[in-house]
Amino acid sequence: MILSRRKAHFYTVAILSGVLPLVFFAGLLWRPSIPTVDETTDELFVAANFLSQENATSVIASETLSVNSIEVLAATSKSTKGAIFLELEPTEALQFSNILVYWRPGESAPETVDENAILLGQLSGSSRRRFPVSFAMQKQSGHLLFYSHGQAQAIGSTPLPSNLFP
């Protein structure tokens, strides 16, 4: 190789090995910070029925329900705006896929989903979920029906205790 080219390559590599790390670290320090959660994500949390700070709740009553040998902690809470919510939390991870929770008015325990059943929402794993309570649920006796949409079968039902509501 030509001696002048060897010297040029040597100095080029030496300069680049010093300058490139400096440029990299300068780029890390000067990059703009982007918030991961801002006002636009609040709508997503509200749609998924997660609690927000302005929707803080106070617990009215709580009870443990048994559904197909699975204990579910049920609690009702009242928001600062006066809305009442039913909060359900399984004590162990649910082994069914795509569980939908329905409320059905009446004294008899439902075996399947019919036209009288009102969909409250989805329940999965062992996470706590919050469902809005309608006026009919507060005034009528009824049952909670847990239905696995993935297996297309009812998991079980349990009466919704009237002492959960004011």
C-alpha atoms as a PDB file:
ATOM      1  CA  MET A   1       0.000   0.000   0.000  1.00  0.00           C
ATOM      2  CA  ILE A   2       1.190   3.536  -0.668  1.00  0.00           C
ATOM      3  CA  LEU A   3       2.701   5.222   2.396  1.00  0.00           C
ATOM      4  CA  SER A   4       0.727   8.467   1.953  1.00  0.00           C
ATOM      5  CA  ARG A   5      -2.576   6.520   1.832  1.00  0.00           C
ATOM      6  CA  ARG A   6      -1.625   4.545   4.966  1.00  0.00           C
ATOM      7  CA  LYS A   7      -1.002   7.796   6.839  1.00  0.00           C
ATOM      8  CA  ALA A   8      -4.321   9.254   5.622  1.00  0.00           C
ATOM      9  CA  HIS A   9      -6.230   6.132   6.741  1.00  0.00           C
ATOM     10  CA  PHE A  10      -4.445   6.133  10.110  1.00  0.00           C
ATOM     11  CA  TYR A  11      -5.342   9.755  10.851  1.00  0.00           C
ATOM     12  CA  THR A  12      -8.896   9.307   9.560  1.00  0.00           C
ATOM     13  CA  VAL A  13      -9.507   6.319  11.862  1.00  0.00           C
ATOM     14  CA  ALA A  14      -7.892   8.113  14.806  1.00  0.00           C
ATOM     15  CA  ILE A  15     -10.032  11.220  14.345  1.00  0.00           C
ATOM     16  CA  LEU A  16     -13.270   9.251  13.768  1.00  0.00           C
ATOM     17  CA  SER A  17     -12.691   7.065  16.847  1.00  0.00           C
ATOM     18  CA  GLY A  18     -12.541  10.220  18.953  1.00  0.00           C
ATOM     19  CA  VAL A  19     -15.258  12.276  17.263  1.00  0.00           C
ATOM     20  CA  LEU A  20     -17.998   9.652  16.736  1.00  0.00           C
ATOM     21  CA  PRO A  21     -18.453   8.798  20.463  1.00  0.00           C
ATOM     22  CA  LEU A  22     -18.622  12.525  21.248  1.00  0.00           C
ATOM     23  CA  VAL A  23     -21.298  13.046  18.594  1.00  0.00           C
ATOM     24  CA  PHE A  24     -23.233  10.024  19.905  1.00  0.00           C
ATOM     25  CA  PHE A  25     -23.256  11.263  23.519  1.00  0.00           C
ATOM     26  CA  ALA A  26     -24.091  14.812  22.426  1.00  0.00           C
ATOM     27  CA  GLY A  27     -27.060  13.431  20.497  1.00  0.00           C
ATOM     28  CA  LEU A  28     -28.263  11.558  23.590  1.00  0.00           C
ATOM     29  CA  LEU A  29     -28.007  14.645  25.768  1.00  0.00           C
ATOM     30  CA  TRP A  30     -29.670  17.037  23.315  1.00  0.00           C
ATOM     31  CA  ARG A  31     -32.556  14.857  22.172  1.00  0.00           C
ATOM     32  CA  PRO A  32     -36.012  16.157  23.118  1.00  0.00           C
ATOM     33  CA  SER A  33     -37.838  14.419  25.937  1.00  0.00           C
ATOM     34  CA  ILE A  34     -41.174  12.951  24.895  1.00  0.00           C
ATOM     35  CA  PRO A  35     -43.630  12.208  27.722  1.00  0.00           C
ATOM     36  CA  THR A  36     -44.973   8.664  27.691  1.00  0.00           C
ATOM     37  CA  VAL A  37     -48.288   9.628  29.315  1.00  0.00           C
ATOM     38  CA  ASP A  38     -50.041  12.914  28.638  1.00  0.00           C
ATOM     39  CA  GLU A  39     -53.560  14.293  28.265  1.00  0.00           C
ATOM     40  CA  THR A  40     -54.255  12.313  25.097  1.00  0.00           C
ATOM     41  CA  THR A  41     -53.818   8.972  26.864  1.00  0.00           C
ATOM     42  CA  ASP A  42     -56.409   9.829  29.533  1.00  0.00           C
ATOM     43  CA  GLU A  43     -59.184   8.957  27.080  1.00  0.00           C
ATOM     44  CA  LEU A  44     -57.765   5.447  26.691  1.00  0.00           C
ATOM     45  CA  PHE A  45     -57.724   4.876  30.447  1.00  0.00           C
ATOM     46  CA  VAL A  46     -61.303   6.125  30.796  1.00  0.00           C
ATOM     47  CA  ALA A  47     -62.465   3.839  27.959  1.00  0.00           C
ATOM     48  CA  ALA A  48     -60.852   0.863  29.711  1.00  0.00           C
ATOM     49  CA  ASN A  49     -62.548   1.775  33.044  1.00  0.00           C
ATOM     50  CA  PHE A  50     -59.285   2.442  34.885  1.00  0.00           C
ATOM     51  CA  LEU A  51     -59.299   4.821  37.799  1.00  0.00           C
ATOM     52  CA  SER A  52     -58.015   8.325  37.296  1.00  0.00           C
ATOM     53  CA  GLN A  53     -57.172  10.861  39.969  1.00  0.00           C
ATOM     54  CA  GLU A  54     -60.155  13.063  39.246  1.00  0.00           C
ATOM     55  CA  ASN A  55     -62.432   9.997  39.447  1.00  0.00           C
ATOM     56  CA  ALA A  56     -61.273   8.962  42.907  1.00  0.00           C
ATOM     57  CA  THR A  57     -63.756   6.692  44.623  1.00  0.00           C
ATOM     58  CA  SER A  58     -64.797   5.791  48.144  1.00  0.00           C
ATOM     59  CA  VAL A  59     -65.777   2.199  48.906  1.00  0.00           C
ATOM     60  CA  ILE A  60     -69.421   1.673  49.867  1.00  0.00           C
ATOM     61  CA  ALA A  61     -69.390  -2.061  50.626  1.00  0.00           C
ATOM     62  CA  SER A  62     -67.489  -5.203  49.691  1.00  0.00           C
ATOM     63  CA  GLU A  63     -68.100  -8.933  49.715  1.00  0.00           C
ATOM     64  CA  THR A  64     -66.500 -12.152  48.460  1.00  0.00           C
ATOM     65  CA  LEU A  65     -68.488 -14.028  45.805  1.00  0.00           C
ATOM     66  CA  SER A  66     -67.915 -17.631  44.744  1.00  0.00           C
ATOM     67  CA  VAL A  67     -68.209 -18.422  41.037  1.00  0.00           C
ATOM     68  CA  ASN A  68     -67.465 -21.997  39.954  1.00  0.00           C
ATOM     69  CA  SER A  69     -65.037 -22.518  42.892  1.00  0.00           C
ATOM     70  CA  ILE A  70     -63.287 -19.214  42.117  1.00  0.00           C
ATOM     71  CA  GLU A  71     -63.551 -16.471  44.691  1.00  0.00           C
ATOM     72  CA  VAL A  72     -64.154 -12.986  43.336  1.00  0.00           C
ATOM     73  CA  LEU A  73     -63.882  -9.903  45.515  1.00  0.00           C
ATOM     74  CA  ALA A  74     -66.809  -7.614  44.741  1.00  0.00           C
ATOM     75  CA  ALA A  75     -66.971  -4.042  45.961  1.00  0.00           C
ATOM     76  CA  THR A  76     -69.096  -1.045  45.149  1.00  0.00           C
ATOM     77  CA  SER A  77     -67.638   2.421  45.176  1.00  0.00           C
ATOM     78  CA  LYS A  78     -68.910   5.922  44.648  1.00  0.00           C
ATOM     79  CA  SER A  79     -67.004   8.539  42.667  1.00  0.00           C
ATOM     80  CA  THR A  80     -66.725  12.170  43.633  1.00  0.00           C
ATOM     81  CA  LYS A  81     -69.240  12.943  40.867  1.00  0.00           C
ATOM     82  CA  GLY A  82     -71.815  10.557  42.392  1.00  0.00           C
ATOM     83  CA  ALA A  83     -71.518   7.638  39.949  1.00  0.00           C
ATOM     84  CA  ILE A  84     -71.580   4.141  41.455  1.00  0.00           C
ATOM     85  CA  PHE A  85     -69.234   1.424  40.220  1.00  0.00           C
ATOM     86  CA  LEU A  86     -68.984  -2.321  40.755  1.00  0.00           C
ATOM     87  CA  GLU A  87     -65.385  -3.470  41.138  1.00  0.00           C
ATOM     88  CA  LEU A  88     -64.544  -7.146  40.601  1.00  0.00           C
ATOM     89  CA  GLU A  89     -61.189  -8.766  41.382  1.00  0.00           C
ATOM     90  CA  PRO A  90     -60.574 -12.531  41.149  1.00  0.00           C
ATOM     91  CA  THR A  91     -58.439 -13.894  44.004  1.00  0.00           C
ATOM     92  CA  GLU A  92     -56.544 -16.111  41.558  1.00  0.00           C
ATOM     93  CA  ALA A  93     -55.847 -15.978  37.841  1.00  0.00           C
ATOM     94  CA  LEU A  94     -58.836 -17.036  35.761  1.00  0.00           C
ATOM     95  CA  GLN A  95     -58.191 -20.057  33.548  1.00  0.00           C
ATOM     96  CA  PHE A  96     -60.816 -19.173  30.957  1.00  0.00           C
ATOM     97  CA  SER A  97     -60.377 -17.073  27.859  1.00  0.00           C
ATOM     98  CA  ASN A  98     -62.149 -13.800  27.108  1.00  0.00           C
ATOM     99  CA  ILE A  99     -64.468 -13.694  30.133  1.00  0.00           C
ATOM    100  CA  LEU A 100     -67.460 -11.398  29.790  1.00  0.00           C
ATOM    101  CA  VAL A 101     -69.455 -10.329  32.844  1.00  0.00           C
ATOM    102  CA  TYR A 102     -73.218  -9.927  32.449  1.00  0.00           C
ATOM    103  CA  TRP A 103     -75.889  -8.825  34.899  1.00  0.00           C
ATOM    104  CA  ARG A 104     -79.326 -10.370  34.567  1.00  0.00           C
ATOM    105  CA  PRO A 105     -82.339  -9.272  36.610  1.00  0.00           C
ATOM    106  CA  GLY A 106     -84.429 -11.899  38.334  1.00  0.00           C
ATOM    107  CA  GLU A 107     -84.381 -14.418  41.149  1.00  0.00           C
ATOM    108  CA  SER A 108     -83.411 -17.504  39.130  1.00  0.00           C
ATOM    109  CA  ALA A 109     -79.770 -18.167  38.318  1.00  0.00           C
ATOM    110  CA  PRO A 110     -79.092 -17.806  34.582  1.00  0.00           C
ATOM    111  CA  GLU A 111     -77.423 -20.653  32.718  1.00  0.00           C
ATOM    112  CA  THR A 112     -76.828 -18.836  29.428  1.00  0.00           C
ATOM    113  CA  VAL A 113     -76.806 -15.317  28.053  1.00  0.00           C
ATOM    114  CA  ASP A 114     -80.274 -14.252  26.981  1.00  0.00           C
ATOM    115  CA  GLU A 115     -81.912 -11.037  25.788  1.00  0.00           C
ATOM    116  CA  ASN A 116     -82.399  -9.786  29.373  1.00  0.00           C
ATOM    117  CA  ALA A 117     -78.686  -9.935  30.212  1.00  0.00           C
ATOM    118  CA  ILE A 118     -76.784  -6.646  30.297  1.00  0.00           C
ATOM    119  CA  LEU A 119     -73.100  -6.722  29.393  1.00  0.00           C
ATOM    120  CA  LEU A 120     -70.973  -5.049  32.059  1.00  0.00           C
ATOM    121  CA  GLY A 121     -67.561  -5.667  30.504  1.00  0.00           C
ATOM    122  CA  GLN A 122     -64.578  -7.980  30.271  1.00  0.00           C
ATOM    123  CA  LEU A 123     -62.680  -9.614  33.140  1.00  0.00           C
ATOM    124  CA  SER A 124     -59.312 -11.285  32.730  1.00  0.00           C
ATOM    125  CA  GLY A 125     -56.478 -12.721  34.788  1.00  0.00           C
ATOM    126  CA  SER A 126     -56.468 -11.534  38.370  1.00  0.00           C
ATOM    127  CA  SER A 127     -56.705  -7.815  37.670  1.00  0.00           C
ATOM    128  CA  ARG A 128     -59.284  -5.552  39.289  1.00  0.00           C
ATOM    129  CA  ARG A 129     -61.893  -4.161  36.893  1.00  0.00           C
ATOM    130  CA  ARG A 130     -64.474  -1.457  37.448  1.00  0.00           C
ATOM    131  CA  PHE A 131     -67.904  -1.492  35.807  1.00  0.00           C
ATOM    132  CA  PRO A 132     -70.516   1.291  35.912  1.00  0.00           C
ATOM    133  CA  VAL A 133     -73.678   0.365  37.811  1.00  0.00           C
ATOM    134  CA  SER A 134     -77.011   1.166  36.189  1.00  0.00           C
ATOM    135  CA  PHE A 135     -80.041   2.355  38.132  1.00  0.00           C
ATOM    136  CA  ALA A 136     -81.795  -0.976  37.433  1.00  0.00           C
ATOM    137  CA  MET A 137     -78.950  -2.912  39.049  1.00  0.00           C
ATOM    138  CA  GLN A 138     -79.301  -0.864  42.228  1.00  0.00           C
ATOM    139  CA  LYS A 139     -83.056  -1.333  42.548  1.00  0.00           C
ATOM    140  CA  GLN A 140     -83.614  -4.911  41.303  1.00  0.00           C
ATOM    141  CA  SER A 141     -82.223  -8.187  42.505  1.00  0.00           C
ATOM    142  CA  GLY A 142     -80.195 -10.033  39.923  1.00  0.00           C
ATOM    143  CA  HIS A 143     -77.298 -12.336  39.143  1.00  0.00           C
ATOM    144  CA  LEU A 144     -73.830 -11.857  37.747  1.00  0.00           C
ATOM    145  CA  LEU A 145     -73.150 -14.265  34.882  1.00  0.00           C
ATOM    146  CA  PHE A 146     -69.557 -15.037  33.925  1.00  0.00           C
ATOM    147  CA  TYR A 147     -69.367 -16.186  30.316  1.00  0.00           C
ATOM    148  CA  SER A 148     -66.273 -17.383  28.449  1.00  0.00           C
ATOM    149  CA  HIS A 149     -66.545 -16.018  24.930  1.00  0.00           C
ATOM    150  CA  GLY A 150     -63.512 -18.044  23.833  1.00  0.00           C
ATOM    151  CA  GLN A 151     -65.032 -21.363  24.893  1.00  0.00           C
ATOM    152  CA  ALA A 152     -68.618 -20.236  24.180  1.00  0.00           C
ATOM    153  CA  GLN A 153     -69.895 -21.438  27.545  1.00  0.00           C
ATOM    154  CA  ALA A 154     -71.131 -20.025  30.813  1.00  0.00           C
ATOM    155  CA  ILE A 155     -68.590 -20.373  33.614  1.00  0.00           C
ATOM    156  CA  GLY A 156     -71.064 -19.750  36.393  1.00  0.00           C
ATOM    157  CA  SER A 157     -73.379 -17.256  37.994  1.00  0.00           C
ATOM    158  CA  THR A 158     -73.805 -15.806  41.442  1.00  0.00           C
ATOM    159  CA  PRO A 159     -76.442 -13.551  42.969  1.00  0.00           C
ATOM    160  CA  LEU A 160     -75.423  -9.925  43.253  1.00  0.00           C
ATOM    161  CA  PRO A 161     -75.872  -9.093  46.955  1.00  0.00           C
ATOM    162  CA  SER A 162     -78.214  -6.189  47.629  1.00  0.00           C
ATOM    163  CA  ASN A 163     -76.071  -5.025  50.563  1.00  0.00           C
ATOM    164  CA  LEU A 164     -73.449  -3.787  48.076  1.00  0.00           C
ATOM    165  CA  PHE A 165     -75.692  -0.874  47.124  1.00  0.00           C
ATOM    166  CA  PRO A 166     -76.733   2.074  49.306  1.00  0.00           C
END
